[in-house]
Amino acid sequence: MAATTIKIQPGTAATLRKLGEKGMTYDEIINELVFAYLAFVDKLYQRVNEPIVGRPLEEIMDELESNTPPRRRR
């Protein structure tokens, strides 16, 4: 596959270098970020679709803010 060129700000390039490991290309770093983002969004969608009926809103908000696994209803 032919490579393309994209313009990014110097600060963005520096951030990408910090996020990657030695020897990684920008392409590899960007792909890792994209896949991590997609996994994160998928997890959010899964949490949104969980039943929350009967639970206090404060409990749900605390759970989301603390990143703890959701409590399952029985």
PDB file of N, CA and C in Angstrom:
ATOM      1  N   MET A   1       0.841  -1.170   0.000  1.00  0.00           N
ATOM      2  CA  MET A   1       0.000   0.000   0.000  1.00  0.00           C
ATOM      3  C   MET A   1       0.891   1.240   0.000  1.00  0.00           C
ATOM      4  N   ALA A   2       0.521   2.193  -0.815  1.00  0.00           N
ATOM      5  CA  ALA A   2       1.301   3.422  -0.901  1.00  0.00           C
ATOM      6  C   ALA A   2       1.045   4.292   0.325  1.00  0.00           C
ATOM      7  N   ALA A   3       2.094   4.903   0.784  1.00  0.00           N
ATOM      8  CA  ALA A   3       1.969   5.802   1.935  1.00  0.00           C
ATOM      9  C   ALA A   3       1.479   7.163   1.468  1.00  0.00           C
ATOM     10  N   THR A   4       0.796   7.865   2.347  1.00  0.00           N
ATOM     11  CA  THR A   4       0.355   9.227   2.061  1.00  0.00           C
ATOM     12  C   THR A   4       0.971  10.150   3.092  1.00  0.00           C
ATOM     13  N   THR A   5       0.877  11.409   2.834  1.00  0.00           N
ATOM     14  CA  THR A   5       1.404  12.414   3.749  1.00  0.00           C
ATOM     15  C   THR A   5       0.234  13.196   4.330  1.00  0.00           C
ATOM     16  N   ILE A   6       0.256  13.380   5.649  1.00  0.00           N
ATOM     17  CA  ILE A   6      -0.736  14.223   6.298  1.00  0.00           C
ATOM     18  C   ILE A   6       0.011  15.300   7.084  1.00  0.00           C
ATOM     19  N   LYS A   7      -0.575  16.483   7.116  1.00  0.00           N
ATOM     20  CA  LYS A   7       0.047  17.582   7.849  1.00  0.00           C
ATOM     21  C   LYS A   7      -0.477  17.585   9.274  1.00  0.00           C
ATOM     22  N   ILE A   8       0.440  17.630  10.224  1.00  0.00           N
ATOM     23  CA  ILE A   8       0.087  17.756  11.636  1.00  0.00           C
ATOM     24  C   ILE A   8       0.976  18.834  12.253  1.00  0.00           C
ATOM     25  N   GLN A   9       0.504  19.389  13.327  1.00  0.00           N
ATOM     26  CA  GLN A   9       1.267  20.412  14.031  1.00  0.00           C
ATOM     27  C   GLN A   9       2.461  19.757  14.738  1.00  0.00           C
ATOM     28  N   PRO A  10       3.545  20.509  14.933  1.00  0.00           N
ATOM     29  CA  PRO A  10       4.706  19.952  15.627  1.00  0.00           C
ATOM     30  C   PRO A  10       4.364  19.389  17.015  1.00  0.00           C
ATOM     31  N   GLY A  11       3.441  20.045  17.711  1.00  0.00           N
ATOM     32  CA  GLY A  11       3.045  19.557  19.032  1.00  0.00           C
ATOM     33  C   GLY A  11       2.352  18.201  18.950  1.00  0.00           C
ATOM     34  N   THR A  12       1.561  18.009  17.903  1.00  0.00           N
ATOM     35  CA  THR A  12       0.888  16.722  17.698  1.00  0.00           C
ATOM     36  C   THR A  12       1.909  15.636  17.427  1.00  0.00           C
ATOM     37  N   ALA A  13       2.899  15.950  16.619  1.00  0.00           N
ATOM     38  CA  ALA A  13       3.956  14.979  16.326  1.00  0.00           C
ATOM     39  C   ALA A  13       4.708  14.607  17.607  1.00  0.00           C
ATOM     40  N   ALA A  14       4.968  15.604  18.442  1.00  0.00           N
ATOM     41  CA  ALA A  14       5.664  15.335  19.710  1.00  0.00           C
ATOM     42  C   ALA A  14       4.818  14.453  20.614  1.00  0.00           C
ATOM     43  N   THR A  15       3.512  14.711  20.655  1.00  0.00           N
ATOM     44  CA  THR A  15       2.622  13.881  21.470  1.00  0.00           C
ATOM     45  C   THR A  15       2.607  12.448  20.962  1.00  0.00           C
ATOM     46  N   LEU A  16       2.532  12.274  19.648  1.00  0.00           N
ATOM     47  CA  LEU A  16       2.549  10.926  19.078  1.00  0.00           C
ATOM     48  C   LEU A  16       3.845  10.196  19.431  1.00  0.00           C
ATOM     49  N   ARG A  17       4.967  10.910  19.350  1.00  0.00           N
ATOM     50  CA  ARG A  17       6.253  10.283  19.703  1.00  0.00           C
ATOM     51  C   ARG A  17       6.254   9.821  21.161  1.00  0.00           C
ATOM     52  N   LYS A  18       5.664  10.633  22.048  1.00  0.00           N
ATOM     53  CA  LYS A  18       5.610  10.280  23.470  1.00  0.00           C
ATOM     54  C   LYS A  18       4.704   9.071  23.708  1.00  0.00           C
ATOM     55  N   LEU A  19       3.630   8.970  22.935  1.00  0.00           N
ATOM     56  CA  LEU A  19       2.687   7.863  23.105  1.00  0.00           C
ATOM     57  C   LEU A  19       3.235   6.543  22.575  1.00  0.00           C
ATOM     58  N   GLY A  20       4.089   6.624  21.572  1.00  0.00           N
ATOM     59  CA  GLY A  20       4.629   5.404  20.971  1.00  0.00           C
ATOM     60  C   GLY A  20       5.832   4.879  21.725  1.00  0.00           C
ATOM     61  N   GLU A  21       6.241   3.705  21.323  1.00  0.00           N
ATOM     62  CA  GLU A  21       7.447   3.103  21.878  1.00  0.00           C
ATOM     63  C   GLU A  21       8.564   3.240  20.857  1.00  0.00           C
ATOM     64  N   LYS A  22       9.785   3.067  21.294  1.00  0.00           N
ATOM     65  CA  LYS A  22      10.937   3.220  20.412  1.00  0.00           C
ATOM     66  C   LYS A  22      10.782   2.288  19.208  1.00  0.00           C
ATOM     67  N   GLY A  23      10.980   2.854  18.047  1.00  0.00           N
ATOM     68  CA  GLY A  23      10.925   2.074  16.824  1.00  0.00           C
ATOM     69  C   GLY A  23       9.553   2.041  16.157  1.00  0.00           C
ATOM     70  N   MET A  24       8.522   2.553  16.839  1.00  0.00           N
ATOM     71  CA  MET A  24       7.189   2.562  16.240  1.00  0.00           C
ATOM     72  C   MET A  24       7.064   3.687  15.229  1.00  0.00           C
ATOM     73  N   THR A  25       6.338   3.424  14.166  1.00  0.00           N
ATOM     74  CA  THR A  25       6.058   4.463  13.186  1.00  0.00           C
ATOM     75  C   THR A  25       4.833   5.246  13.636  1.00  0.00           C
ATOM     76  N   TYR A  26       4.654   6.437  13.038  1.00  0.00           N
ATOM     77  CA  TYR A  26       3.448   7.203  13.334  1.00  0.00           C
ATOM     78  C   TYR A  26       2.209   6.394  12.959  1.00  0.00           C
ATOM     79  N   ASP A  27       2.284   5.659  11.855  1.00  0.00           N
ATOM     80  CA  ASP A  27       1.163   4.836  11.420  1.00  0.00           C
ATOM     81  C   ASP A  27       0.782   3.815  12.499  1.00  0.00           C
ATOM     82  N   GLU A  28       1.759   3.163  13.084  1.00  0.00           N
ATOM     83  CA  GLU A  28       1.489   2.170  14.141  1.00  0.00           C
ATOM     84  C   GLU A  28       0.878   2.842  15.373  1.00  0.00           C
ATOM     85  N   ILE A  29       1.420   3.994  15.743  1.00  0.00           N
ATOM     86  CA  ILE A  29       0.907   4.709  16.917  1.00  0.00           C
ATOM     87  C   ILE A  29      -0.537   5.138  16.683  1.00  0.00           C
ATOM     88  N   ILE A  30      -0.805   5.713  15.513  1.00  0.00           N
ATOM     89  CA  ILE A  30      -2.164   6.169  15.203  1.00  0.00           C
ATOM     90  C   ILE A  30      -3.125   4.992  15.180  1.00  0.00           C
ATOM     91  N   ASN A  31      -2.730   3.870  14.599  1.00  0.00           N
ATOM     92  CA  ASN A  31      -3.596   2.691  14.578  1.00  0.00           C
ATOM     93  C   ASN A  31      -3.899   2.200  15.989  1.00  0.00           C
ATOM     94  N   GLU A  32      -2.915   2.180  16.857  1.00  0.00           N
ATOM     95  CA  GLU A  32      -3.153   1.771  18.247  1.00  0.00           C
ATOM     96  C   GLU A  32      -4.153   2.710  18.920  1.00  0.00           C
ATOM     97  N   LEU A  33      -3.996   4.001  18.691  1.00  0.00           N
ATOM     98  CA  LEU A  33      -4.915   4.983  19.278  1.00  0.00           C
ATOM     99  C   LEU A  33      -6.333   4.788  18.747  1.00  0.00           C
ATOM    100  N   VAL A  34      -6.464   4.563  17.454  1.00  0.00           N
ATOM    101  CA  VAL A  34      -7.788   4.380  16.855  1.00  0.00           C
ATOM    102  C   VAL A  34      -8.457   3.134  17.426  1.00  0.00           C
ATOM    103  N   PHE A  35      -7.726   2.026  17.496  1.00  0.00           N
ATOM    104  CA  PHE A  35      -8.318   0.794  18.016  1.00  0.00           C
ATOM    105  C   PHE A  35      -8.659   0.916  19.500  1.00  0.00           C
ATOM    106  N   ALA A  36      -7.831   1.617  20.265  1.00  0.00           N
ATOM    107  CA  ALA A  36      -8.137   1.839  21.682  1.00  0.00           C
ATOM    108  C   ALA A  36      -9.391   2.703  21.820  1.00  0.00           C
ATOM    109  N   TYR A  37      -9.508   3.713  20.988  1.00  0.00           N
ATOM    110  CA  TYR A  37     -10.697   4.574  21.012  1.00  0.00           C
ATOM    111  C   TYR A  37     -11.942   3.771  20.662  1.00  0.00           C
ATOM    112  N   LEU A  38     -11.865   2.951  19.626  1.00  0.00           N
ATOM    113  CA  LEU A  38     -13.021   2.149  19.224  1.00  0.00           C
ATOM    114  C   LEU A  38     -13.427   1.167  20.320  1.00  0.00           C
ATOM    115  N   ALA A  39     -12.448   0.576  20.998  1.00  0.00           N
ATOM    116  CA  ALA A  39     -12.757  -0.336  22.101  1.00  0.00           C
ATOM    117  C   ALA A  39     -13.430   0.429  23.240  1.00  0.00           C
ATOM    118  N   PHE A  40     -12.951   1.636  23.515  1.00  0.00           N
ATOM    119  CA  PHE A  40     -13.536   2.469  24.555  1.00  0.00           C
ATOM    120  C   PHE A  40     -14.985   2.818  24.223  1.00  0.00           C
ATOM    121  N   VAL A  41     -15.236   3.223  22.989  1.00  0.00           N
ATOM    122  CA  VAL A  41     -16.592   3.573  22.565  1.00  0.00           C
ATOM    123  C   VAL A  41     -17.501   2.349  22.642  1.00  0.00           C
ATOM    124  N   ASP A  42     -16.995   1.193  22.241  1.00  0.00           N
ATOM    125  CA  ASP A  42     -17.781  -0.039  22.321  1.00  0.00           C
ATOM    126  C   ASP A  42     -18.155  -0.337  23.768  1.00  0.00           C
ATOM    127  N   LYS A  43     -17.206  -0.147  24.682  1.00  0.00           N
ATOM    128  CA  LYS A  43     -17.476  -0.378  26.103  1.00  0.00           C
ATOM    129  C   LYS A  43     -18.549   0.585  26.622  1.00  0.00           C
ATOM    130  N   LEU A  44     -18.479   1.840  26.183  1.00  0.00           N
ATOM    131  CA  LEU A  44     -19.496   2.807  26.578  1.00  0.00           C
ATOM    132  C   LEU A  44     -20.876   2.385  26.088  1.00  0.00           C
ATOM    133  N   TYR A  45     -20.964   1.963  24.838  1.00  0.00           N
ATOM    134  CA  TYR A  45     -22.246   1.522  24.301  1.00  0.00           C
ATOM    135  C   TYR A  45     -22.785   0.326  25.083  1.00  0.00           C
ATOM    136  N   GLN A  46     -21.891  -0.589  25.467  1.00  0.00           N
ATOM    137  CA  GLN A  46     -22.323  -1.744  26.255  1.00  0.00           C
ATOM    138  C   GLN A  46     -22.876  -1.285  27.599  1.00  0.00           C
ATOM    139  N   ARG A  47     -22.228  -0.323  28.224  1.00  0.00           N
ATOM    140  CA  ARG A  47     -22.696   0.163  29.531  1.00  0.00           C
ATOM    141  C   ARG A  47     -24.020   0.892  29.413  1.00  0.00           C
ATOM    142  N   VAL A  48     -24.197   1.625  28.345  1.00  0.00           N
ATOM    143  CA  VAL A  48     -25.438   2.360  28.136  1.00  0.00           C
ATOM    144  C   VAL A  48     -26.607   1.388  27.986  1.00  0.00           C
ATOM    145  N   ASN A  49     -26.361   0.257  27.388  1.00  0.00           N
ATOM    146  CA  ASN A  49     -27.428  -0.700  27.133  1.00  0.00           C
ATOM    147  C   ASN A  49     -27.726  -1.620  28.318  1.00  0.00           C
ATOM    148  N   GLU A  50     -27.007  -1.466  29.413  1.00  0.00           N
ATOM    149  CA  GLU A  50     -27.284  -2.280  30.594  1.00  0.00           C
ATOM    150  C   GLU A  50     -28.523  -1.755  31.307  1.00  0.00           C
ATOM    151  N   PRO A  51     -29.318  -2.654  31.841  1.00  0.00           N
ATOM    152  CA  PRO A  51     -30.508  -2.180  32.563  1.00  0.00           C
ATOM    153  C   PRO A  51     -30.114  -1.444  33.842  1.00  0.00           C
ATOM    154  N   ILE A  52     -30.734  -0.291  34.057  1.00  0.00           N
ATOM    155  CA  ILE A  52     -30.421   0.485  35.262  1.00  0.00           C
ATOM    156  C   ILE A  52     -31.695   0.834  36.017  1.00  0.00           C
ATOM    157  N   VAL A  53     -32.806   0.268  35.627  1.00  0.00           N
ATOM    158  CA  VAL A  53     -34.086   0.570  36.261  1.00  0.00           C
ATOM    159  C   VAL A  53     -34.015   0.218  37.741  1.00  0.00           C
ATOM    160  N   GLY A  54     -34.480   1.113  38.566  1.00  0.00           N
ATOM    161  CA  GLY A  54     -34.525   0.849  39.995  1.00  0.00           C
ATOM    162  C   GLY A  54     -33.270   1.238  40.741  1.00  0.00           C
ATOM    163  N   ARG A  55     -32.266   1.741  40.058  1.00  0.00           N
ATOM    164  CA  ARG A  55     -31.044   2.159  40.731  1.00  0.00           C
ATOM    165  C   ARG A  55     -31.024   3.679  40.850  1.00  0.00           C
ATOM    166  N   PRO A  56     -30.560   4.187  41.965  1.00  0.00           N
ATOM    167  CA  PRO A  56     -30.498   5.638  42.125  1.00  0.00           C
ATOM    168  C   PRO A  56     -29.510   6.256  41.126  1.00  0.00           C
ATOM    169  N   LEU A  57     -29.853   7.412  40.576  1.00  0.00           N
ATOM    170  CA  LEU A  57     -29.000   8.099  39.623  1.00  0.00           C
ATOM    171  C   LEU A  57     -27.620   8.384  40.211  1.00  0.00           C
ATOM    172  N   GLU A  58     -27.572   8.752  41.484  1.00  0.00           N
ATOM    173  CA  GLU A  58     -26.283   9.057  42.123  1.00  0.00           C
ATOM    174  C   GLU A  58     -25.354   7.849  42.089  1.00  0.00           C
ATOM    175  N   GLU A  59     -25.908   6.655  42.315  1.00  0.00           N
ATOM    176  CA  GLU A  59     -25.104   5.433  42.289  1.00  0.00           C
ATOM    177  C   GLU A  59     -24.530   5.199  40.897  1.00  0.00           C
ATOM    178  N   ILE A  60     -25.343   5.409  39.894  1.00  0.00           N
ATOM    179  CA  ILE A  60     -24.897   5.208  38.516  1.00  0.00           C
ATOM    180  C   ILE A  60     -23.807   6.215  38.166  1.00  0.00           C
ATOM    181  N   MET A  61     -24.000   7.474  38.529  1.00  0.00           N
ATOM    182  CA  MET A  61     -23.016   8.514  38.237  1.00  0.00           C
ATOM    183  C   MET A  61     -21.700   8.253  38.970  1.00  0.00           C
ATOM    184  N   ASP A  62     -21.769   7.830  40.225  1.00  0.00           N
ATOM    185  CA  ASP A  62     -20.556   7.491  40.977  1.00  0.00           C
ATOM    186  C   ASP A  62     -19.794   6.374  40.291  1.00  0.00           C
ATOM    187  N   GLU A  63     -20.515   5.370  39.821  1.00  0.00           N
ATOM    188  CA  GLU A  63     -19.916   4.236  39.126  1.00  0.00           C
ATOM    189  C   GLU A  63     -19.183   4.695  37.870  1.00  0.00           C
ATOM    190  N   LEU A  64     -19.838   5.541  37.086  1.00  0.00           N
ATOM    191  CA  LEU A  64     -19.235   6.024  35.851  1.00  0.00           C
ATOM    192  C   LEU A  64     -17.999   6.864  36.132  1.00  0.00           C
ATOM    193  N   GLU A  65     -18.061   7.708  37.147  1.00  0.00           N
ATOM    194  CA  GLU A  65     -16.931   8.570  37.472  1.00  0.00           C
ATOM    195  C   GLU A  65     -15.749   7.795  38.041  1.00  0.00           C
ATOM    196  N   SER A  66     -16.006   6.709  38.761  1.00  0.00           N
ATOM    197  CA  SER A  66     -14.923   5.959  39.380  1.00  0.00           C
ATOM    198  C   SER A  66     -14.378   4.859  38.484  1.00  0.00           C
ATOM    199  N   ASN A  67     -15.010   4.642  37.317  1.00  0.00           N
ATOM    200  CA  ASN A  67     -14.576   3.598  36.383  1.00  0.00           C
ATOM    201  C   ASN A  67     -14.651   2.203  36.971  1.00  0.00           C
ATOM    202  N   THR A  68     -15.509   1.986  37.942  1.00  0.00           N
ATOM    203  CA  THR A  68     -15.669   0.652  38.501  1.00  0.00           C
ATOM    204  C   THR A  68     -16.638  -0.138  37.637  1.00  0.00           C
ATOM    205  N   PRO A  69     -16.500  -1.449  37.627  1.00  0.00           N
ATOM    206  CA  PRO A  69     -17.443  -2.245  36.836  1.00  0.00           C
ATOM    207  C   PRO A  69     -18.868  -2.048  37.346  1.00  0.00           C
ATOM    208  N   PRO A  70     -19.835  -2.054  36.437  1.00  0.00           N
ATOM    209  CA  PRO A  70     -21.209  -1.838  36.867  1.00  0.00           C
ATOM    210  C   PRO A  70     -21.727  -2.972  37.744  1.00  0.00           C
ATOM    211  N   ARG A  71     -22.560  -2.610  38.722  1.00  0.00           N
ATOM    212  CA  ARG A  71     -23.179  -3.599  39.582  1.00  0.00           C
ATOM    213  C   ARG A  71     -24.322  -4.224  38.804  1.00  0.00           C
ATOM    214  N   ARG A  72     -24.356  -5.542  38.769  1.00  0.00           N
ATOM    215  CA  ARG A  72     -25.393  -6.255  38.026  1.00  0.00           C
ATOM    216  C   ARG A  72     -26.647  -6.423  38.866  1.00  0.00           C
ATOM    217  N   ARG A  73     -27.779  -6.242  38.237  1.00  0.00           N
ATOM    218  CA  ARG A  73     -29.050  -6.498  38.918  1.00  0.00           C
ATOM    219  C   ARG A  73     -29.330  -7.973  38.899  1.00  0.00           C
ATOM    220  N   ARG A  74     -29.966  -8.464  39.919  1.00  0.00           N
ATOM    221  CA  ARG A  74     -30.309  -9.894  39.968  1.00  0.00           C
ATOM    222  C   ARG A  74     -31.776 -10.086  39.870  1.00  0.00           C
TER     223      ARG A  74
END
